[in-house]
PDB file of N, CA and C in Angstrom:
ATOM      1  N   MET A   1      13.802 -82.044  46.282  1.00  0.00           N
ATOM      2  CA  MET A   1      14.119 -81.905  44.593  1.00  0.00           C
ATOM      3  C   MET A   1      13.385 -84.167  44.408  1.00  0.00           C
ATOM      4  N   SER A   2      13.755 -83.760  42.938  1.00  0.00           N
ATOM      5  CA  SER A   2      12.270 -85.124  42.977  1.00  0.00           C
ATOM      6  C   SER A   2      13.448 -86.157  42.126  1.00  0.00           C
ATOM      7  N   GLU A   3      13.168 -87.320  43.302  1.00  0.00           N
ATOM      8  CA  GLU A   3      14.257 -88.258  42.501  1.00  0.00           C
ATOM      9  C   GLU A   3      14.333 -88.847  41.131  1.00  0.00           C
ATOM     10  N   ASP A   4      12.774 -88.823  40.297  1.00  0.00           N
ATOM     11  CA  ASP A   4      13.106 -88.584  38.595  1.00  0.00           C
ATOM     12  C   ASP A   4      13.953 -88.028  38.222  1.00  0.00           C
ATOM     13  N   LEU A   5      14.330 -86.781  38.657  1.00  0.00           N
ATOM     14  CA  LEU A   5      16.008 -86.147  37.956  1.00  0.00           C
ATOM     15  C   LEU A   5      17.120 -86.964  38.254  1.00  0.00           C
ATOM     16  N   VAL A   6      16.805 -87.151  39.844  1.00  0.00           N
ATOM     17  CA  VAL A   6      18.233 -87.857  40.181  1.00  0.00           C
ATOM     18  C   VAL A   6      18.894 -89.368  39.361  1.00  0.00           C
ATOM     19  N   LEU A   7      17.538 -90.207  39.347  1.00  0.00           N
ATOM     20  CA  LEU A   7      17.668 -90.974  38.486  1.00  0.00           C
ATOM     21  C   LEU A   7      17.782 -90.609  37.075  1.00  0.00           C
ATOM     22  N   HIS A   8      17.407 -89.759  36.047  1.00  0.00           N
ATOM     23  CA  HIS A   8      17.639 -89.285  34.917  1.00  0.00           C
ATOM     24  C   HIS A   8      19.373 -88.918  34.665  1.00  0.00           C
ATOM     25  N   MET A   9      19.558 -88.175  35.689  1.00  0.00           N
ATOM     26  CA  MET A   9      20.801 -87.575  35.581  1.00  0.00           C
ATOM     27  C   MET A   9      22.029 -88.837  35.534  1.00  0.00           C
ATOM     28  N   GLU A  10      21.778 -89.504  36.558  1.00  0.00           N
ATOM     29  CA  GLU A  10      22.510 -91.058  37.109  1.00  0.00           C
ATOM     30  C   GLU A  10      22.788 -91.951  35.834  1.00  0.00           C
ATOM     31  N   ARG A  11      21.133 -92.147  34.814  1.00  0.00           N
ATOM     32  CA  ARG A  11      21.090 -92.378  33.677  1.00  0.00           C
ATOM     33  C   ARG A  11      22.321 -92.006  32.608  1.00  0.00           C
ATOM     34  N   LEU A  12      22.554 -90.507  32.349  1.00  0.00           N
ATOM     35  CA  LEU A  12      22.954 -90.306  31.375  1.00  0.00           C
ATOM     36  C   LEU A  12      24.005 -89.715  31.854  1.00  0.00           C
ATOM     37  N   TYR A  13      24.758 -89.417  33.579  1.00  0.00           N
ATOM     38  CA  TYR A  13      25.971 -89.227  33.497  1.00  0.00           C
ATOM     39  C   TYR A  13      27.017 -90.316  35.004  1.00  0.00           C
ATOM     40  N   PRO A  14      26.468 -91.669  34.183  1.00  0.00           N
ATOM     41  CA  PRO A  14      27.816 -92.733  35.128  1.00  0.00           C
ATOM     42  C   PRO A  14      28.963 -92.546  35.562  1.00  0.00           C
ATOM     43  N   PRO A  15      29.679 -92.759  36.359  1.00  0.00           N
ATOM     44  CA  PRO A  15      30.681 -92.172  36.631  1.00  0.00           C
ATOM     45  C   PRO A  15      31.808 -93.629  35.422  1.00  0.00           C
ATOM     46  N   VAL A  16      32.363 -92.474  34.440  1.00  0.00           N
ATOM     47  CA  VAL A  16      33.669 -93.668  33.494  1.00  0.00           C
ATOM     48  C   VAL A  16      35.126 -92.952  33.636  1.00  0.00           C
ATOM     49  N   CYS A  17      36.387 -93.896  33.602  1.00  0.00           N
ATOM     50  CA  CYS A  17      37.295 -93.792  33.612  1.00  0.00           C
ATOM     51  C   CYS A  17      37.828 -93.012  31.974  1.00  0.00           C
ATOM     52  N   TYR A  18      38.513 -92.281  32.593  1.00  0.00           N
ATOM     53  CA  TYR A  18      39.762 -91.303  31.145  1.00  0.00           C
ATOM     54  C   TYR A  18      39.894 -92.230  30.727  1.00  0.00           C
ATOM     55  N   SER A  19      40.244 -92.044  29.058  1.00  0.00           N
ATOM     56  CA  SER A  19      40.338 -92.961  27.847  1.00  0.00           C
ATOM     57  C   SER A  19      41.211 -92.387  27.214  1.00  0.00           C
ATOM     58  N   PRO A  20      42.477 -91.882  26.919  1.00  0.00           N
ATOM     59  CA  PRO A  20      42.779 -90.514  25.971  1.00  0.00           C
ATOM     60  C   PRO A  20      42.656 -91.291  24.682  1.00  0.00           C
ATOM     61  N   SER A  21      42.578 -92.069  24.244  1.00  0.00           N
ATOM     62  CA  SER A  21      41.942 -92.807  22.853  1.00  0.00           C
ATOM     63  C   SER A  21      40.412 -92.828  22.746  1.00  0.00           C
ATOM     64  N   ALA A  22      39.791 -92.396  23.951  1.00  0.00           N
ATOM     65  CA  ALA A  22      38.320 -91.855  22.980  1.00  0.00           C
ATOM     66  C   ALA A  22      37.927 -91.068  23.555  1.00  0.00           C
ATOM     67  N   GLU A  23      38.463 -90.020  23.803  1.00  0.00           N
ATOM     68  CA  GLU A  23      38.114 -88.556  24.423  1.00  0.00           C
ATOM     69  C   GLU A  23      39.145 -88.151  24.436  1.00  0.00           C
ATOM     70  N   SER A  24      39.432 -86.612  24.400  1.00  0.00           N
ATOM     71  CA  SER A  24      39.870 -85.518  24.817  1.00  0.00           C
ATOM     72  C   SER A  24      39.848 -85.225  26.423  1.00  0.00           C
ATOM     73  N   LEU A  25      40.936 -84.831  26.499  1.00  0.00           N
ATOM     74  CA  LEU A  25      40.359 -84.621  27.897  1.00  0.00           C
ATOM     75  C   LEU A  25      40.111 -83.722  28.566  1.00  0.00           C
ATOM     76  N   GLU A  26      39.520 -82.496  28.258  1.00  0.00           N
ATOM     77  CA  GLU A  26      39.192 -81.619  27.884  1.00  0.00           C
ATOM     78  C   GLU A  26      37.799 -82.446  28.130  1.00  0.00           C
ATOM     79  N   ALA A  27      36.856 -82.499  27.332  1.00  0.00           N
ATOM     80  CA  ALA A  27      35.490 -83.495  26.926  1.00  0.00           C
ATOM     81  C   ALA A  27      35.513 -84.237  28.259  1.00  0.00           C
ATOM     82  N   HIS A  28      36.328 -84.836  28.540  1.00  0.00           N
ATOM     83  CA  HIS A  28      36.403 -85.641  30.288  1.00  0.00           C
ATOM     84  C   HIS A  28      35.876 -84.774  31.171  1.00  0.00           C
ATOM     85  N   LEU A  29      36.816 -84.022  31.242  1.00  0.00           N
ATOM     86  CA  LEU A  29      36.574 -83.233  32.869  1.00  0.00           C
ATOM     87  C   LEU A  29      35.721 -82.477  32.826  1.00  0.00           C
ATOM     88  N   ILE A  30      34.990 -82.171  31.783  1.00  0.00           N
ATOM     89  CA  ILE A  30      33.071 -81.715  31.035  1.00  0.00           C
ATOM     90  C   ILE A  30      32.461 -82.382  31.546  1.00  0.00           C
ATOM     91  N   TYR A  31      32.187 -83.958  31.422  1.00  0.00           N
ATOM     92  CA  TYR A  31      31.591 -84.870  31.753  1.00  0.00           C
ATOM     93  C   TYR A  31      31.839 -85.552  33.035  1.00  0.00           C
ATOM     94  N   SER A  32      32.945 -85.396  33.623  1.00  0.00           N
ATOM     95  CA  SER A  32      33.684 -85.231  35.001  1.00  0.00           C
ATOM     96  C   SER A  32      32.230 -84.751  35.668  1.00  0.00           C
ATOM     97  N   GLY A  33      32.971 -83.576  35.533  1.00  0.00           N
ATOM     98  CA  GLY A  33      32.131 -82.281  36.387  1.00  0.00           C
ATOM     99  C   GLY A  33      29.995 -82.520  36.120  1.00  0.00           C
ATOM    100  N   TYR A  34      29.834 -82.779  35.513  1.00  0.00           N
ATOM    101  CA  TYR A  34      28.381 -83.386  35.169  1.00  0.00           C
ATOM    102  C   TYR A  34      28.274 -84.658  36.056  1.00  0.00           C
ATOM    103  N   ALA A  35      29.298 -85.705  35.976  1.00  0.00           N
ATOM    104  CA  ALA A  35      29.000 -87.098  37.205  1.00  0.00           C
ATOM    105  C   ALA A  35      28.811 -86.318  38.342  1.00  0.00           C
ATOM    106  N   ARG A  36      29.682 -85.552  38.622  1.00  0.00           N
ATOM    107  CA  ARG A  36      30.033 -85.503  40.178  1.00  0.00           C
ATOM    108  C   ARG A  36      28.776 -84.340  40.672  1.00  0.00           C
ATOM    109  N   LEU A  37      28.255 -83.818  39.597  1.00  0.00           N
ATOM    110  CA  LEU A  37      27.091 -83.270  40.266  1.00  0.00           C
ATOM    111  C   LEU A  37      26.323 -84.330  40.253  1.00  0.00           C
ATOM    112  N   THR A  38      26.130 -84.916  39.597  1.00  0.00           N
ATOM    113  CA  THR A  38      24.766 -86.240  39.900  1.00  0.00           C
ATOM    114  C   THR A  38      25.023 -86.784  40.977  1.00  0.00           C
ATOM    115  N   GLU A  39      26.327 -87.258  41.674  1.00  0.00           N
ATOM    116  CA  GLU A  39      26.418 -87.547  42.805  1.00  0.00           C
ATOM    117  C   GLU A  39      26.049 -86.929  44.157  1.00  0.00           C
ATOM    118  N   ASP A  40      26.634 -85.113  43.318  1.00  0.00           N
ATOM    119  CA  ASP A  40      26.232 -84.500  44.427  1.00  0.00           C
ATOM    120  C   ASP A  40      24.615 -84.117  44.650  1.00  0.00           C
ATOM    121  N   LEU A  41      23.763 -84.540  43.707  1.00  0.00           N
ATOM    122  CA  LEU A  41      22.323 -84.087  43.769  1.00  0.00           C
ATOM    123  C   LEU A  41      21.743 -85.776  44.550  1.00  0.00           C
ATOM    124  N   ARG A  42      22.476 -86.559  44.315  1.00  0.00           N
ATOM    125  CA  ARG A  42      22.172 -87.978  45.169  1.00  0.00           C
ATOM    126  C   ARG A  42      22.471 -87.771  46.577  1.00  0.00           C
ATOM    127  N   GLU A  43      23.343 -87.170  47.222  1.00  0.00           N
ATOM    128  CA  GLU A  43      23.329 -87.118  47.870  1.00  0.00           C
ATOM    129  C   GLU A  43      22.396 -86.024  49.175  1.00  0.00           C
ATOM    130  N   ILE A  44      22.223 -84.826  48.065  1.00  0.00           N
ATOM    131  CA  ILE A  44      21.103 -83.943  48.814  1.00  0.00           C
ATOM    132  C   ILE A  44      19.922 -84.486  48.687  1.00  0.00           C
ATOM    133  N   PHE A  45      19.435 -85.534  47.625  1.00  0.00           N
ATOM    134  CA  PHE A  45      18.540 -86.478  47.643  1.00  0.00           C
ATOM    135  C   PHE A  45      18.187 -87.066  48.613  1.00  0.00           C
ATOM    136  N   GLU A  46      19.622 -88.114  49.251  1.00  0.00           N
ATOM    137  CA  GLU A  46      19.080 -88.872  50.014  1.00  0.00           C
ATOM    138  C   GLU A  46      18.918 -87.837  51.885  1.00  0.00           C
ATOM    139  N   GLU A  47      20.204 -86.701  52.186  1.00  0.00           N
ATOM    140  CA  GLU A  47      19.316 -86.133  53.398  1.00  0.00           C
ATOM    141  C   GLU A  47      18.134 -85.643  53.365  1.00  0.00           C
ATOM    142  N   GLN A  48      17.541 -84.999  52.120  1.00  0.00           N
ATOM    143  CA  GLN A  48      16.266 -84.338  52.238  1.00  0.00           C
ATOM    144  C   GLN A  48      14.818 -85.795  52.676  1.00  0.00           C
ATOM    145  N   LYS A  49      15.375 -86.997  52.065  1.00  0.00           N
ATOM    146  CA  LYS A  49      14.849 -88.369  52.258  1.00  0.00           C
ATOM    147  C   LYS A  49      14.489 -88.494  53.565  1.00  0.00           C
ATOM    148  N   ALA A  50      15.665 -88.465  53.934  1.00  0.00           N
ATOM    149  CA  ALA A  50      15.705 -88.957  55.579  1.00  0.00           C
ATOM    150  C   ALA A  50      15.458 -88.037  56.636  1.00  0.00           C
ATOM    151  N   SER A  51      15.271 -86.992  56.363  1.00  0.00           N
ATOM    152  CA  SER A  51      14.871 -85.837  57.189  1.00  0.00           C
ATOM    153  C   SER A  51      13.200 -85.465  56.641  1.00  0.00           C
ATOM    154  N   ALA A  52      12.675 -86.079  55.884  1.00  0.00           N
ATOM    155  CA  ALA A  52      11.348 -85.714  55.350  1.00  0.00           C
ATOM    156  C   ALA A  52       9.961 -86.253  56.433  1.00  0.00           C
ATOM    157  N   ILE A  53       9.519 -85.385  56.717  1.00  0.00           N
ATOM    158  CA  ILE A  53       7.862 -86.364  57.295  1.00  0.00           C
ATOM    159  C   ILE A  53       6.659 -85.934  56.653  1.00  0.00           C
ATOM    160  N   GLN A  54       6.191 -86.412  57.620  1.00  0.00           N
ATOM    161  CA  GLN A  54       4.177 -86.573  56.131  1.00  0.00           C
ATOM    162  C   GLN A  54       4.028 -85.386  56.972  1.00  0.00           C
ATOM    163  N   LEU A  55       2.679 -84.903  56.409  1.00  0.00           N
ATOM    164  CA  LEU A  55       1.580 -83.859  57.124  1.00  0.00           C
ATOM    165  C   LEU A  55       0.273 -84.479  56.336  1.00  0.00           C
ATOM    166  N   ASP A  56      -0.486 -83.972  57.068  1.00  0.00           N
ATOM    167  CA  ASP A  56      -1.917 -84.304  56.727  1.00  0.00           C
ATOM    168  C   ASP A  56      -1.936 -82.750  56.129  1.00  0.00           C
ATOM    169  N   PRO A  57      -3.673 -82.474  55.039  1.00  0.00           N
ATOM    170  CA  PRO A  57      -3.973 -81.626  54.596  1.00  0.00           C
ATOM    171  C   PRO A  57      -3.315 -80.257  55.947  1.00  0.00           C
ATOM    172  N   GLU A  58      -3.971 -80.654  57.049  1.00  0.00           N
ATOM    173  CA  GLU A  58      -4.125 -79.984  58.472  1.00  0.00           C
ATOM    174  C   GLU A  58      -2.882 -79.030  58.635  1.00  0.00           C
ATOM    175  N   GLY A  59      -1.711 -79.945  58.387  1.00  0.00           N
ATOM    176  CA  GLY A  59      -0.505 -79.544  58.732  1.00  0.00           C
ATOM    177  C   GLY A  59       0.207 -80.628  60.041  1.00  0.00           C
ATOM    178  N   GLU A  60      -0.439 -81.686  60.166  1.00  0.00           N
ATOM    179  CA  GLU A  60      -0.234 -82.428  61.919  1.00  0.00           C
ATOM    180  C   GLU A  60       0.574 -83.338  60.773  1.00  0.00           C
ATOM    181  N   VAL A  61       1.356 -83.919  62.252  1.00  0.00           N
ATOM    182  CA  VAL A  61       2.674 -84.892  61.556  1.00  0.00           C
ATOM    183  C   VAL A  61       1.729 -86.303  61.574  1.00  0.00           C
ATOM    184  N   LEU A  62       2.383 -87.175  60.540  1.00  0.00           N
ATOM    185  CA  LEU A  62       1.623 -88.253  60.306  1.00  0.00           C
ATOM    186  C   LEU A  62       2.635 -89.410  60.273  1.00  0.00           C
ATOM    187  N   GLY A  63       3.656 -89.196  60.132  1.00  0.00           N
ATOM    188  CA  GLY A  63       5.273 -89.959  60.411  1.00  0.00           C
ATOM    189  C   GLY A  63       6.177 -90.097  59.841  1.00  0.00           C
ATOM    190  N   GLU A  64       7.576 -90.918  59.741  1.00  0.00           N
ATOM    191  CA  GLU A  64       8.210 -90.666  58.451  1.00  0.00           C
ATOM    192  C   GLU A  64       8.031 -90.852  57.224  1.00  0.00           C
ATOM    193  N   TYR A  65       8.570 -90.102  55.937  1.00  0.00           N
ATOM    194  CA  TYR A  65       9.064 -90.162  54.812  1.00  0.00           C
ATOM    195  C   TYR A  65       8.149 -91.756  54.150  1.00  0.00           C
ATOM    196  N   SER A  66       7.572 -92.010  53.622  1.00  0.00           N
ATOM    197  CA  SER A  66       7.022 -93.339  52.861  1.00  0.00           C
ATOM    198  C   SER A  66       6.496 -92.814  51.494  1.00  0.00           C
ATOM    199  N   PRO A  67       7.163 -92.616  50.421  1.00  0.00           N
ATOM    200  CA  PRO A  67       6.367 -92.398  49.132  1.00  0.00           C
ATOM    201  C   PRO A  67       4.824 -93.460  49.127  1.00  0.00           C
ATOM    202  N   ALA A  68       5.001 -94.616  49.394  1.00  0.00           N
ATOM    203  CA  ALA A  68       3.847 -95.710  49.239  1.00  0.00           C
ATOM    204  C   ALA A  68       2.702 -94.798  49.702  1.00  0.00           C
ATOM    205  N   ALA A  69       2.554 -94.638  51.423  1.00  0.00           N
ATOM    206  CA  ALA A  69       1.653 -94.372  52.559  1.00  0.00           C
ATOM    207  C   ALA A  69       1.011 -93.090  51.990  1.00  0.00           C
ATOM    208  N   HIS A  70       1.443 -92.013  51.816  1.00  0.00           N
ATOM    209  CA  HIS A  70       0.826 -90.484  51.352  1.00  0.00           C
ATOM    210  C   HIS A  70       1.381 -89.812  50.845  1.00  0.00           C
ATOM    211  N   PRO A  71       0.667 -88.956  49.448  1.00  0.00           N
ATOM    212  CA  PRO A  71       1.622 -88.450  48.758  1.00  0.00           C
ATOM    213  C   PRO A  71       1.944 -87.331  49.871  1.00  0.00           C
ATOM    214  N   ALA A  72       1.344 -86.212  50.430  1.00  0.00           N
ATOM    215  CA  ALA A  72       1.315 -85.656  51.204  1.00  0.00           C
ATOM    216  C   ALA A  72       2.562 -85.491  52.128  1.00  0.00           C
ATOM    217  N   PHE A  73       3.467 -84.626  51.433  1.00  0.00           N
ATOM    218  CA  PHE A  73       4.880 -85.020  52.912  1.00  0.00           C
ATOM    219  C   PHE A  73       5.664 -83.619  52.432  1.00  0.00           C
ATOM    220  N   ALA A  74       6.770 -83.209  53.758  1.00  0.00           N
ATOM    221  CA  ALA A  74       7.294 -82.364  53.416  1.00  0.00           C
ATOM    222  C   ALA A  74       8.655 -82.546  54.173  1.00  0.00           C
ATOM    223  N   VAL A  75       9.240 -81.301  53.263  1.00  0.00           N
ATOM    224  CA  VAL A  75      10.950 -81.644  54.553  1.00  0.00           C
ATOM    225  C   VAL A  75      10.918 -80.985  55.438  1.00  0.00           C
ATOM    226  N   ALA A  76      11.496 -81.331  56.540  1.00  0.00           N
ATOM    227  CA  ALA A  76      11.417 -80.357  58.004  1.00  0.00           C
ATOM    228  C   ALA A  76      13.206 -80.205  57.862  1.00  0.00           C
ATOM    229  N   PHE A  77      13.100 -78.510  58.035  1.00  0.00           N
ATOM    230  CA  PHE A  77      14.405 -78.021  57.947  1.00  0.00           C
ATOM    231  C   PHE A  77      14.957 -77.604  59.737  1.00  0.00           C
TER     232      PHE A  77
END
């Protein structure tokens, strides 16, 4: 999963409190579903990042995930 996607979703759907004068309950529940999905995506991304390893072109392990160190990495399952 791309961190860019997660950041984009976090910008679009930050958590907000319900305000009856500003929106309907239905609209807020729909928005809060998107906000919750965004939180879940962040959690999944962080879990993937924590378990990721870097591989060289031959598939040998180079080390832990570091986006600055080398662009080729894979997620270990």
